[in-house]
PDB file of N, CA and C in Angstrom:
ATOM      1  N   MET A   1      30.041  -1.830  16.697  1.00  0.00           N
ATOM      2  CA  MET A   1      29.215  -2.979  16.375  1.00  0.00           C
ATOM      3  C   MET A   1      29.265  -3.196  14.875  1.00  0.00           C
ATOM      4  N   ASP A   2      29.381  -4.422  14.458  1.00  0.00           N
ATOM      5  CA  ASP A   2      29.464  -4.778  13.045  1.00  0.00           C
ATOM      6  C   ASP A   2      28.052  -4.846  12.466  1.00  0.00           C
ATOM      7  N   TYR A   3      27.820  -4.153  11.362  1.00  0.00           N
ATOM      8  CA  TYR A   3      26.495  -4.121  10.769  1.00  0.00           C
ATOM      9  C   TYR A   3      26.141  -5.406  10.051  1.00  0.00           C
ATOM     10  N   ASP A   4      27.106  -6.225   9.696  1.00  0.00           N
ATOM     11  CA  ASP A   4      26.841  -7.485   9.007  1.00  0.00           C
ATOM     12  C   ASP A   4      26.725  -8.654   9.972  1.00  0.00           C
ATOM     13  N   ALA A   5      26.571  -8.353  11.254  1.00  0.00           N
ATOM     14  CA  ALA A   5      26.474  -9.408  12.256  1.00  0.00           C
ATOM     15  C   ALA A   5      25.114 -10.104  12.151  1.00  0.00           C
ATOM     16  N   PRO A   6      25.053 -11.404  12.479  1.00  0.00           N
ATOM     17  CA  PRO A   6      23.757 -12.110  12.474  1.00  0.00           C
ATOM     18  C   PRO A   6      22.887 -11.622  13.630  1.00  0.00           C
ATOM     19  N   PRO A   7      21.579 -11.943  13.603  1.00  0.00           N
ATOM     20  CA  PRO A   7      20.701 -11.539  14.702  1.00  0.00           C
ATOM     21  C   PRO A   7      21.192 -12.076  16.042  1.00  0.00           C
ATOM     22  N   VAL A   8      21.022 -11.286  17.078  1.00  0.00           N
ATOM     23  CA  VAL A   8      21.470 -11.650  18.416  1.00  0.00           C
ATOM     24  C   VAL A   8      20.246 -11.998  19.257  1.00  0.00           C
ATOM     25  N   ALA A   9      20.300 -13.094  20.006  1.00  0.00           N
ATOM     26  CA  ALA A   9      19.189 -13.482  20.874  1.00  0.00           C
ATOM     27  C   ALA A   9      19.408 -12.905  22.266  1.00  0.00           C
ATOM     28  N   ILE A  10      18.356 -12.334  22.837  1.00  0.00           N
ATOM     29  CA  ILE A  10      18.415 -11.791  24.190  1.00  0.00           C
ATOM     30  C   ILE A  10      17.599 -12.726  25.069  1.00  0.00           C
ATOM     31  N   ALA A  11      18.147 -13.161  26.180  1.00  0.00           N
ATOM     32  CA  ALA A  11      17.459 -14.111  27.050  1.00  0.00           C
ATOM     33  C   ALA A  11      17.265 -13.504  28.431  1.00  0.00           C
ATOM     34  N   ALA A  12      16.317 -14.078  29.179  1.00  0.00           N
ATOM     35  CA  ALA A  12      16.066 -13.645  30.552  1.00  0.00           C
ATOM     36  C   ALA A  12      17.253 -14.050  31.428  1.00  0.00           C
ATOM     37  N   PRO A  13      17.401 -13.453  32.603  1.00  0.00           N
ATOM     38  CA  PRO A  13      18.497 -13.837  33.508  1.00  0.00           C
ATOM     39  C   PRO A  13      18.424 -15.318  33.898  1.00  0.00           C
ATOM     40  N   ALA A  14      19.576 -15.902  34.261  1.00  0.00           N
ATOM     41  CA  ALA A  14      19.675 -17.333  34.550  1.00  0.00           C
ATOM     42  C   ALA A  14      18.791 -17.750  35.728  1.00  0.00           C
ATOM     43  N   GLU A  15      18.620 -16.901  36.757  1.00  0.00           N
ATOM     44  CA  GLU A  15      17.820 -17.282  37.905  1.00  0.00           C
ATOM     45  C   GLU A  15      16.323 -17.358  37.574  1.00  0.00           C
ATOM     46  N   ASP A  16      15.931 -16.836  36.432  1.00  0.00           N
ATOM     47  CA  ASP A  16      14.541 -16.863  36.008  1.00  0.00           C
ATOM     48  C   ASP A  16      14.366 -17.876  34.872  1.00  0.00           C
ATOM     49  N   ALA A  17      14.979 -19.040  35.002  1.00  0.00           N
ATOM     50  CA  ALA A  17      15.004 -20.022  33.921  1.00  0.00           C
ATOM     51  C   ALA A  17      13.624 -20.588  33.606  1.00  0.00           C
ATOM     52  N   GLY A  18      12.678 -20.566  34.561  1.00  0.00           N
ATOM     53  CA  GLY A  18      11.351 -21.116  34.325  1.00  0.00           C
ATOM     54  C   GLY A  18      10.556 -20.316  33.306  1.00  0.00           C
ATOM     55  N   SER A  19      10.792 -19.032  33.228  1.00  0.00           N
ATOM     56  CA  SER A  19      10.057 -18.194  32.279  1.00  0.00           C
ATOM     57  C   SER A  19      11.015 -17.544  31.287  1.00  0.00           C
ATOM     58  N   ARG A  20      11.876 -18.323  30.720  1.00  0.00           N
ATOM     59  CA  ARG A  20      12.884 -17.824  29.792  1.00  0.00           C
ATOM     60  C   ARG A  20      12.242 -17.461  28.450  1.00  0.00           C
ATOM     61  N   VAL A  21      12.560 -16.281  27.970  1.00  0.00           N
ATOM     62  CA  VAL A  21      12.038 -15.794  26.698  1.00  0.00           C
ATOM     63  C   VAL A  21      13.201 -15.326  25.849  1.00  0.00           C
ATOM     64  N   GLU A  22      13.221 -15.743  24.587  1.00  0.00           N
ATOM     65  CA  GLU A  22      14.260 -15.287  23.668  1.00  0.00           C
ATOM     66  C   GLU A  22      13.627 -14.404  22.613  1.00  0.00           C
ATOM     67  N   LEU A  23      14.164 -13.219  22.458  1.00  0.00           N
ATOM     68  CA  LEU A  23      13.673 -12.277  21.470  1.00  0.00           C
ATOM     69  C   LEU A  23      14.755 -12.041  20.426  1.00  0.00           C
ATOM     70  N   PRO A  24      14.414 -12.137  19.129  1.00  0.00           N
ATOM     71  CA  PRO A  24      15.435 -11.857  18.113  1.00  0.00           C
ATOM     72  C   PRO A  24      15.662 -10.354  17.974  1.00  0.00           C
ATOM     73  N   VAL A  25      16.894  -9.966  17.808  1.00  0.00           N
ATOM     74  CA  VAL A  25      17.259  -8.578  17.569  1.00  0.00           C
ATOM     75  C   VAL A  25      17.976  -8.548  16.236  1.00  0.00           C
ATOM     76  N   PHE A  26      17.457  -7.787  15.280  1.00  0.00           N
ATOM     77  CA  PHE A  26      18.038  -7.743  13.947  1.00  0.00           C
ATOM     78  C   PHE A  26      18.863  -6.480  13.781  1.00  0.00           C
ATOM     79  N   VAL A  27      20.048  -6.657  13.275  1.00  0.00           N
ATOM     80  CA  VAL A  27      20.953  -5.550  13.025  1.00  0.00           C
ATOM     81  C   VAL A  27      20.969  -5.318  11.517  1.00  0.00           C
ATOM     82  N   PRO A  28      20.780  -4.080  11.047  1.00  0.00           N
ATOM     83  CA  PRO A  28      20.770  -3.839   9.609  1.00  0.00           C
ATOM     84  C   PRO A  28      22.102  -4.191   8.968  1.00  0.00           C
ATOM     85  N   LYS A  29      22.066  -4.710   7.714  1.00  0.00           N
ATOM     86  CA  LYS A  29      23.296  -5.100   7.019  1.00  0.00           C
ATOM     87  C   LYS A  29      24.035  -3.898   6.457  1.00  0.00           C
ATOM     88  N   THR A  30      23.321  -2.835   6.177  1.00  0.00           N
ATOM     89  CA  THR A  30      23.987  -1.639   5.653  1.00  0.00           C
ATOM     90  C   THR A  30      24.000  -0.581   6.748  1.00  0.00           C
ATOM     91  N   PRO A  31      25.066   0.139   6.884  1.00  0.00           N
ATOM     92  CA  PRO A  31      25.119   1.164   7.930  1.00  0.00           C
ATOM     93  C   PRO A  31      24.138   2.303   7.633  1.00  0.00           C
ATOM     94  N   ARG A  32      23.545   2.828   8.680  1.00  0.00           N
ATOM     95  CA  ARG A  32      22.610   3.935   8.536  1.00  0.00           C
ATOM     96  C   ARG A  32      23.342   5.246   8.273  1.00  0.00           C
ATOM     97  N   CYS A  33      24.545   5.359   8.777  1.00  0.00           N
ATOM     98  CA  CYS A  33      25.350   6.574   8.618  1.00  0.00           C
ATOM     99  C   CYS A  33      26.552   6.277   7.728  1.00  0.00           C
ATOM    100  N   PRO A  34      27.059   7.282   7.020  1.00  0.00           N
ATOM    101  CA  PRO A  34      28.255   7.052   6.204  1.00  0.00           C
ATOM    102  C   PRO A  34      29.481   6.814   7.081  1.00  0.00           C
ATOM    103  N   LYS A  35      30.499   6.239   6.486  1.00  0.00           N
ATOM    104  CA  LYS A  35      31.754   6.006   7.222  1.00  0.00           C
ATOM    105  C   LYS A  35      32.329   7.355   7.650  1.00  0.00           C
ATOM    106  N   HIS A  36      32.926   7.381   8.846  1.00  0.00           N
ATOM    107  CA  HIS A  36      33.492   8.613   9.346  1.00  0.00           C
ATOM    108  C   HIS A  36      34.788   8.309  10.080  1.00  0.00           C
ATOM    109  N   GLU A  37      35.572   9.321  10.193  1.00  0.00           N
ATOM    110  CA  GLU A  37      36.862   9.197  10.874  1.00  0.00           C
ATOM    111  C   GLU A  37      36.654   9.281  12.387  1.00  0.00           C
ATOM    112  N   ALA A  38      37.574   8.737  13.137  1.00  0.00           N
ATOM    113  CA  ALA A  38      37.509   8.813  14.594  1.00  0.00           C
ATOM    114  C   ALA A  38      37.593  10.277  15.020  1.00  0.00           C
ATOM    115  N   GLY A  39      36.769  10.664  15.958  1.00  0.00           N
ATOM    116  CA  GLY A  39      36.764  12.033  16.451  1.00  0.00           C
ATOM    117  C   GLY A  39      35.788  12.942  15.710  1.00  0.00           C
ATOM    118  N   GLU A  40      35.214  12.496  14.594  1.00  0.00           N
ATOM    119  CA  GLU A  40      34.239  13.306  13.878  1.00  0.00           C
ATOM    120  C   GLU A  40      32.842  13.103  14.483  1.00  0.00           C
ATOM    121  N   ILE A  41      32.040  14.121  14.418  1.00  0.00           N
ATOM    122  CA  ILE A  41      30.656  14.009  14.862  1.00  0.00           C
ATOM    123  C   ILE A  41      29.785  13.923  13.611  1.00  0.00           C
ATOM    124  N   VAL A  42      29.015  12.824  13.513  1.00  0.00           N
ATOM    125  CA  VAL A  42      28.152  12.604  12.353  1.00  0.00           C
ATOM    126  C   VAL A  42      26.712  12.517  12.851  1.00  0.00           C
ATOM    127  N   VAL A  43      25.826  13.294  12.248  1.00  0.00           N
ATOM    128  CA  VAL A  43      24.412  13.265  12.594  1.00  0.00           C
ATOM    129  C   VAL A  43      23.676  12.567  11.456  1.00  0.00           C
ATOM    130  N   CYS A  44      22.944  11.489  11.785  1.00  0.00           N
ATOM    131  CA  CYS A  44      22.238  10.714  10.767  1.00  0.00           C
ATOM    132  C   CYS A  44      20.753  10.659  11.110  1.00  0.00           C
ATOM    133  N   ALA A  45      19.936  10.535  10.082  1.00  0.00           N
ATOM    134  CA  ALA A  45      18.493  10.409  10.287  1.00  0.00           C
ATOM    135  C   ALA A  45      17.927   9.536   9.179  1.00  0.00           C
ATOM    136  N   GLU A  46      16.783   8.916   9.464  1.00  0.00           N
ATOM    137  CA  GLU A  46      16.115   8.134   8.435  1.00  0.00           C
ATOM    138  C   GLU A  46      15.477   9.068   7.426  1.00  0.00           C
ATOM    139  N   ASP A  47      15.257   8.551   6.233  1.00  0.00           N
ATOM    140  CA  ASP A  47      14.618   9.328   5.183  1.00  0.00           C
ATOM    141  C   ASP A  47      13.171   9.603   5.571  1.00  0.00           C
ATOM    142  N   PRO A  48      12.755  10.864   5.692  1.00  0.00           N
ATOM    143  CA  PRO A  48      11.375  11.144   6.111  1.00  0.00           C
ATOM    144  C   PRO A  48      10.340  10.695   5.082  1.00  0.00           C
ATOM    145  N   GLU A  49      10.732  10.475   3.841  1.00  0.00           N
ATOM    146  CA  GLU A  49       9.811  10.045   2.793  1.00  0.00           C
ATOM    147  C   GLU A  49       9.458   8.563   2.918  1.00  0.00           C
ATOM    148  N   THR A  50      10.186   7.816   3.728  1.00  0.00           N
ATOM    149  CA  THR A  50       9.971   6.375   3.828  1.00  0.00           C
ATOM    150  C   THR A  50       8.565   6.035   4.294  1.00  0.00           C
ATOM    151  N   PHE A  51       8.057   6.725   5.284  1.00  0.00           N
ATOM    152  CA  PHE A  51       6.765   6.392   5.873  1.00  0.00           C
ATOM    153  C   PHE A  51       5.673   7.398   5.515  1.00  0.00           C
ATOM    154  N   ARG A  52       5.911   8.242   4.535  1.00  0.00           N
ATOM    155  CA  ARG A  52       4.931   9.262   4.150  1.00  0.00           C
ATOM    156  C   ARG A  52       3.825   8.632   3.307  1.00  0.00           C
ATOM    157  N   LEU A  53       2.580   8.991   3.610  1.00  0.00           N
ATOM    158  CA  LEU A  53       1.447   8.502   2.840  1.00  0.00           C
ATOM    159  C   LEU A  53       1.264   9.360   1.600  1.00  0.00           C
ATOM    160  N   ARG A  54       0.961   8.732   0.503  1.00  0.00           N
ATOM    161  CA  ARG A  54       0.741   9.429  -0.760  1.00  0.00           C
ATOM    162  C   ARG A  54      -0.748   9.648  -0.987  1.00  0.00           C
ATOM    163  N   PRO A  55      -1.138  10.648  -1.791  1.00  0.00           N
ATOM    164  CA  PRO A  55      -2.554  10.855  -2.084  1.00  0.00           C
ATOM    165  C   PRO A  55      -3.131   9.671  -2.858  1.00  0.00           C
ATOM    166  N   LEU A  56      -4.430   9.442  -2.678  1.00  0.00           N
ATOM    167  CA  LEU A  56      -5.093   8.365  -3.403  1.00  0.00           C
ATOM    168  C   LEU A  56      -5.182   8.711  -4.876  1.00  0.00           C
ATOM    169  N   PRO A  57      -5.229   7.685  -5.743  1.00  0.00           N
ATOM    170  CA  PRO A  57      -5.382   7.963  -7.172  1.00  0.00           C
ATOM    171  C   PRO A  57      -6.723   8.646  -7.463  1.00  0.00           C
ATOM    172  N   ASP A  58      -6.835   9.247  -8.628  1.00  0.00           N
ATOM    173  CA  ASP A  58      -8.031  10.001  -8.993  1.00  0.00           C
ATOM    174  C   ASP A  58      -9.264   9.134  -9.177  1.00  0.00           C
ATOM    175  N   ARG A  59      -9.107   7.824  -9.231  1.00  0.00           N
ATOM    176  CA  ARG A  59     -10.271   6.970  -9.450  1.00  0.00           C
ATOM    177  C   ARG A  59     -11.215   6.966  -8.243  1.00  0.00           C
ATOM    178  N   PHE A  60     -10.736   7.441  -7.085  1.00  0.00           N
ATOM    179  CA  PHE A  60     -11.589   7.558  -5.916  1.00  0.00           C
ATOM    180  C   PHE A  60     -12.011   9.021  -5.787  1.00  0.00           C
ATOM    181  N   GLY A  61     -13.282   9.289  -5.973  1.00  0.00           N
ATOM    182  CA  GLY A  61     -13.746  10.662  -5.903  1.00  0.00           C
ATOM    183  C   GLY A  61     -14.819  10.833  -4.854  1.00  0.00           C
ATOM    184  N   LYS A  62     -15.087  12.058  -4.486  1.00  0.00           N
ATOM    185  CA  LYS A  62     -16.117  12.340  -3.500  1.00  0.00           C
ATOM    186  C   LYS A  62     -17.507  12.163  -4.093  1.00  0.00           C
ATOM    187  N   ASP A  63     -17.612  12.217  -5.418  1.00  0.00           N
ATOM    188  CA  ASP A  63     -18.914  12.130  -6.061  1.00  0.00           C
ATOM    189  C   ASP A  63     -19.374  10.696  -6.286  1.00  0.00           C
ATOM    190  N   ASP A  64     -18.545   9.719  -5.929  1.00  0.00           N
ATOM    191  CA  ASP A  64     -18.928   8.319  -6.117  1.00  0.00           C
ATOM    192  C   ASP A  64     -20.037   7.965  -5.132  1.00  0.00           C
ATOM    193  N   THR A  65     -21.162   7.534  -5.653  1.00  0.00           N
ATOM    194  CA  THR A  65     -22.265   7.112  -4.803  1.00  0.00           C
ATOM    195  C   THR A  65     -22.649   5.692  -5.158  1.00  0.00           C
ATOM    196  N   LEU A  66     -23.242   5.014  -4.218  1.00  0.00           N
ATOM    197  CA  LEU A  66     -23.683   3.652  -4.471  1.00  0.00           C
ATOM    198  C   LEU A  66     -24.920   3.664  -5.366  1.00  0.00           C
ATOM    199  N   PRO A  67     -25.092   2.640  -6.185  1.00  0.00           N
ATOM    200  CA  PRO A  67     -26.300   2.577  -6.992  1.00  0.00           C
ATOM    201  C   PRO A  67     -27.515   2.340  -6.099  1.00  0.00           C
ATOM    202  N   ARG A  68     -28.671   2.683  -6.579  1.00  0.00           N
ATOM    203  CA  ARG A  68     -29.899   2.488  -5.804  1.00  0.00           C
ATOM    204  C   ARG A  68     -30.171   1.007  -5.662  1.00  0.00           C
ATOM    205  N   ALA A  69     -30.553   0.606  -4.487  1.00  0.00           N
ATOM    206  CA  ALA A  69     -30.880  -0.797  -4.221  1.00  0.00           C
ATOM    207  C   ALA A  69     -32.386  -0.966  -4.403  1.00  0.00           C
ATOM    208  N   ARG A  70     -32.805  -0.982  -5.666  1.00  0.00           N
ATOM    209  CA  ARG A  70     -34.229  -1.096  -5.967  1.00  0.00           C
ATOM    210  C   ARG A  70     -34.391  -2.048  -7.146  1.00  0.00           C
ATOM    211  N   THR A  71     -35.425  -2.879  -7.062  1.00  0.00           N
ATOM    212  CA  THR A  71     -35.724  -3.842  -8.115  1.00  0.00           C
ATOM    213  C   THR A  71     -37.178  -3.693  -8.523  1.00  0.00           C
ATOM    214  N   GLN A  72     -37.401  -3.718  -9.811  1.00  0.00           N
ATOM    215  CA  GLN A  72     -38.756  -3.639 -10.346  1.00  0.00           C
ATOM    216  C   GLN A  72     -39.308  -5.063 -10.397  1.00  0.00           C
ATOM    217  N   LEU A  73     -40.394  -5.331  -9.648  1.00  0.00           N
ATOM    218  CA  LEU A  73     -40.999  -6.662  -9.633  1.00  0.00           C
ATOM    219  C   LEU A  73     -41.901  -6.870 -10.847  1.00  0.00           C
ATOM    220  N   ASN A  74     -42.682  -5.870 -11.188  1.00  0.00           N
ATOM    221  CA  ASN A  74     -43.475  -5.877 -12.420  1.00  0.00           C
ATOM    222  C   ASN A  74     -43.663  -4.420 -12.836  1.00  0.00           C
ATOM    223  N   GLU A  75     -44.526  -4.137 -13.783  1.00  0.00           N
ATOM    224  CA  GLU A  75     -44.652  -2.767 -14.279  1.00  0.00           C
ATOM    225  C   GLU A  75     -45.221  -1.805 -13.242  1.00  0.00           C
ATOM    226  N   ARG A  76     -45.899  -2.276 -12.208  1.00  0.00           N
ATOM    227  CA  ARG A  76     -46.482  -1.396 -11.183  1.00  0.00           C
ATOM    228  C   ARG A  76     -45.806  -1.498  -9.823  1.00  0.00           C
ATOM    229  N   THR A  77     -45.029  -2.537  -9.559  1.00  0.00           N
ATOM    230  CA  THR A  77     -44.520  -2.794  -8.208  1.00  0.00           C
ATOM    231  C   THR A  77     -42.993  -2.810  -8.200  1.00  0.00           C
ATOM    232  N   SER A  78     -42.412  -2.155  -7.199  1.00  0.00           N
ATOM    233  CA  SER A  78     -40.955  -2.195  -7.004  1.00  0.00           C
ATOM    234  C   SER A  78     -40.663  -2.362  -5.519  1.00  0.00           C
ATOM    235  N   ILE A  79     -39.477  -2.862  -5.226  1.00  0.00           N
ATOM    236  CA  ILE A  79     -39.040  -3.043  -3.837  1.00  0.00           C
ATOM    237  C   ILE A  79     -37.597  -2.547  -3.751  1.00  0.00           C
ATOM    238  N   GLY A  80     -37.255  -1.934  -2.619  1.00  0.00           N
ATOM    239  CA  GLY A  80     -35.904  -1.403  -2.476  1.00  0.00           C
ATOM    240  C   GLY A  80     -35.479  -1.328  -1.027  1.00  0.00           C
ATOM    241  N   ALA A  81     -34.175  -1.148  -0.815  1.00  0.00           N
ATOM    242  CA  ALA A  81     -33.601  -1.023   0.527  1.00  0.00           C
ATOM    243  C   ALA A  81     -33.023   0.380   0.674  1.00  0.00           C
ATOM    244  N   GLU A  82     -33.246   0.997   1.822  1.00  0.00           N
ATOM    245  CA  GLU A  82     -32.740   2.343   2.098  1.00  0.00           C
ATOM    246  C   GLU A  82     -32.154   2.385   3.509  1.00  0.00           C
ATOM    247  N   LEU A  83     -31.126   3.190   3.690  1.00  0.00           N
ATOM    248  CA  LEU A  83     -30.509   3.366   5.012  1.00  0.00           C
ATOM    249  C   LEU A  83     -31.129   4.581   5.696  1.00  0.00           C
ATOM    250  N   GLU A  84     -31.381   4.457   6.984  1.00  0.00           N
ATOM    251  CA  GLU A  84     -31.946   5.556   7.778  1.00  0.00           C
ATOM    252  C   GLU A  84     -31.243   5.617   9.125  1.00  0.00           C
ATOM    253  N   SER A  85     -31.247   6.804   9.718  1.00  0.00           N
ATOM    254  CA  SER A  85     -30.816   6.944  11.109  1.00  0.00           C
ATOM    255  C   SER A  85     -31.805   7.879  11.791  1.00  0.00           C
ATOM    256  N   GLN A  86     -32.126   7.539  13.010  1.00  0.00           N
ATOM    257  CA  GLN A  86     -33.134   8.297  13.756  1.00  0.00           C
ATOM    258  C   GLN A  86     -32.652   8.484  15.186  1.00  0.00           C
ATOM    259  N   GLY A  87     -32.803   9.681  15.719  1.00  0.00           N
ATOM    260  CA  GLY A  87     -32.456   9.943  17.110  1.00  0.00           C
ATOM    261  C   GLY A  87     -33.513   9.353  18.037  1.00  0.00           C
ATOM    262  N   MET A  88     -33.085   8.679  19.072  1.00  0.00           N
ATOM    263  CA  MET A  88     -33.994   8.058  20.035  1.00  0.00           C
ATOM    264  C   MET A  88     -34.141   8.979  21.256  1.00  0.00           C
ATOM    265  N   PRO A  89     -35.196   8.814  22.053  1.00  0.00           N
ATOM    266  CA  PRO A  89     -35.405   9.680  23.233  1.00  0.00           C
ATOM    267  C   PRO A  89     -34.274   9.610  24.256  1.00  0.00           C
ATOM    268  N   ASP A  90     -33.563   8.474  24.333  1.00  0.00           N
ATOM    269  CA  ASP A  90     -32.485   8.349  25.316  1.00  0.00           C
ATOM    270  C   ASP A  90     -31.166   8.939  24.826  1.00  0.00           C
ATOM    271  N   GLY A  91     -31.161   9.539  23.627  1.00  0.00           N
ATOM    272  CA  GLY A  91     -29.949  10.177  23.118  1.00  0.00           C
ATOM    273  C   GLY A  91     -29.160   9.308  22.155  1.00  0.00           C
ATOM    274  N   ASN A  92     -29.468   8.034  22.050  1.00  0.00           N
ATOM    275  CA  ASN A  92     -28.771   7.159  21.109  1.00  0.00           C
ATOM    276  C   ASN A  92     -29.302   7.383  19.702  1.00  0.00           C
ATOM    277  N   ILE A  93     -28.531   6.926  18.720  1.00  0.00           N
ATOM    278  CA  ILE A  93     -28.945   7.019  17.327  1.00  0.00           C
ATOM    279  C   ILE A  93     -29.220   5.613  16.824  1.00  0.00           C
ATOM    280  N   SER A  94     -30.376   5.419  16.230  1.00  0.00           N
ATOM    281  CA  SER A  94     -30.760   4.125  15.689  1.00  0.00           C
ATOM    282  C   SER A  94     -30.464   4.115  14.186  1.00  0.00           C
ATOM    283  N   ASN A  95     -29.460   3.348  13.770  1.00  0.00           N
ATOM    284  CA  ASN A  95     -29.147   3.163  12.352  1.00  0.00           C
ATOM    285  C   ASN A  95     -29.867   1.916  11.887  1.00  0.00           C
ATOM    286  N   ARG A  96     -30.541   2.000  10.753  1.00  0.00           N
ATOM    287  CA  ARG A  96     -31.319   0.857  10.310  1.00  0.00           C
ATOM    288  C   ARG A  96     -31.416   0.812   8.793  1.00  0.00           C
ATOM    289  N   VAL A  97     -31.777  -0.376   8.309  1.00  0.00           N
ATOM    290  CA  VAL A  97     -32.034  -0.604   6.891  1.00  0.00           C
ATOM    291  C   VAL A  97     -33.530  -0.801   6.748  1.00  0.00           C
ATOM    292  N   MET A  98     -34.147  -0.027   5.883  1.00  0.00           N
ATOM    293  CA  MET A  98     -35.584  -0.127   5.667  1.00  0.00           C
ATOM    294  C   MET A  98     -35.829  -0.749   4.295  1.00  0.00           C
ATOM    295  N   LEU A  99     -36.675  -1.765   4.248  1.00  0.00           N
ATOM    296  CA  LEU A  99     -37.114  -2.359   2.995  1.00  0.00           C
ATOM    297  C   LEU A  99     -38.473  -1.757   2.670  1.00  0.00           C
ATOM    298  N   ARG A 100     -38.592  -1.156   1.500  1.00  0.00           N
ATOM    299  CA  ARG A 100     -39.822  -0.455   1.132  1.00  0.00           C
ATOM    300  C   ARG A 100     -40.346  -1.022  -0.176  1.00  0.00           C
ATOM    301  N   GLY A 101     -41.637  -1.285  -0.167  1.00  0.00           N
ATOM    302  CA  GLY A 101     -42.312  -1.710  -1.387  1.00  0.00           C
ATOM    303  C   GLY A 101     -43.171  -0.583  -1.896  1.00  0.00           C
ATOM    304  N   ARG A 102     -43.212  -0.411  -3.221  1.00  0.00           N
ATOM    305  CA  ARG A 102     -43.993   0.660  -3.821  1.00  0.00           C
ATOM    306  C   ARG A 102     -44.910   0.075  -4.897  1.00  0.00           C
ATOM    307  N   ILE A 103     -46.152   0.503  -4.846  1.00  0.00           N
ATOM    308  CA  ILE A 103     -47.155   0.059  -5.820  1.00  0.00           C
ATOM    309  C   ILE A 103     -47.743   1.302  -6.458  1.00  0.00           C
ATOM    310  N   LYS A 104     -47.670   1.397  -7.775  1.00  0.00           N
ATOM    311  CA  LYS A 104     -48.262   2.541  -8.492  1.00  0.00           C
ATOM    312  C   LYS A 104     -49.746   2.286  -8.686  1.00  0.00           C
ATOM    313  N   PHE A 105     -50.560   3.308  -8.444  1.00  0.00           N
ATOM    314  CA  PHE A 105     -52.010   3.192  -8.634  1.00  0.00           C
ATOM    315  C   PHE A 105     -52.412   3.828  -9.934  1.00  0.00           C
TER     316      PHE A 105
END
């Protein structure tokens, strides 16, 4: 098979003309294996590094926390949002956002 060949269309059989589907098949332009002589056995594989995931940059750390969601309304009063989860009697977990107001006495 020629590696520089254009894409080949595959079609359904002629008797199934009502539901004919054409799928493009792409042939790579460069050979995956090096040229070899007739009668030689050549074993080729893709580069394993191609799909390997790399570590995240150092800017993402485990110590990164979100800032507190709290606002000071005046010198004595503040309001904030907090996340909570609570186990329910039926075994489910209730995740919720609680808005809390605080007044200093």
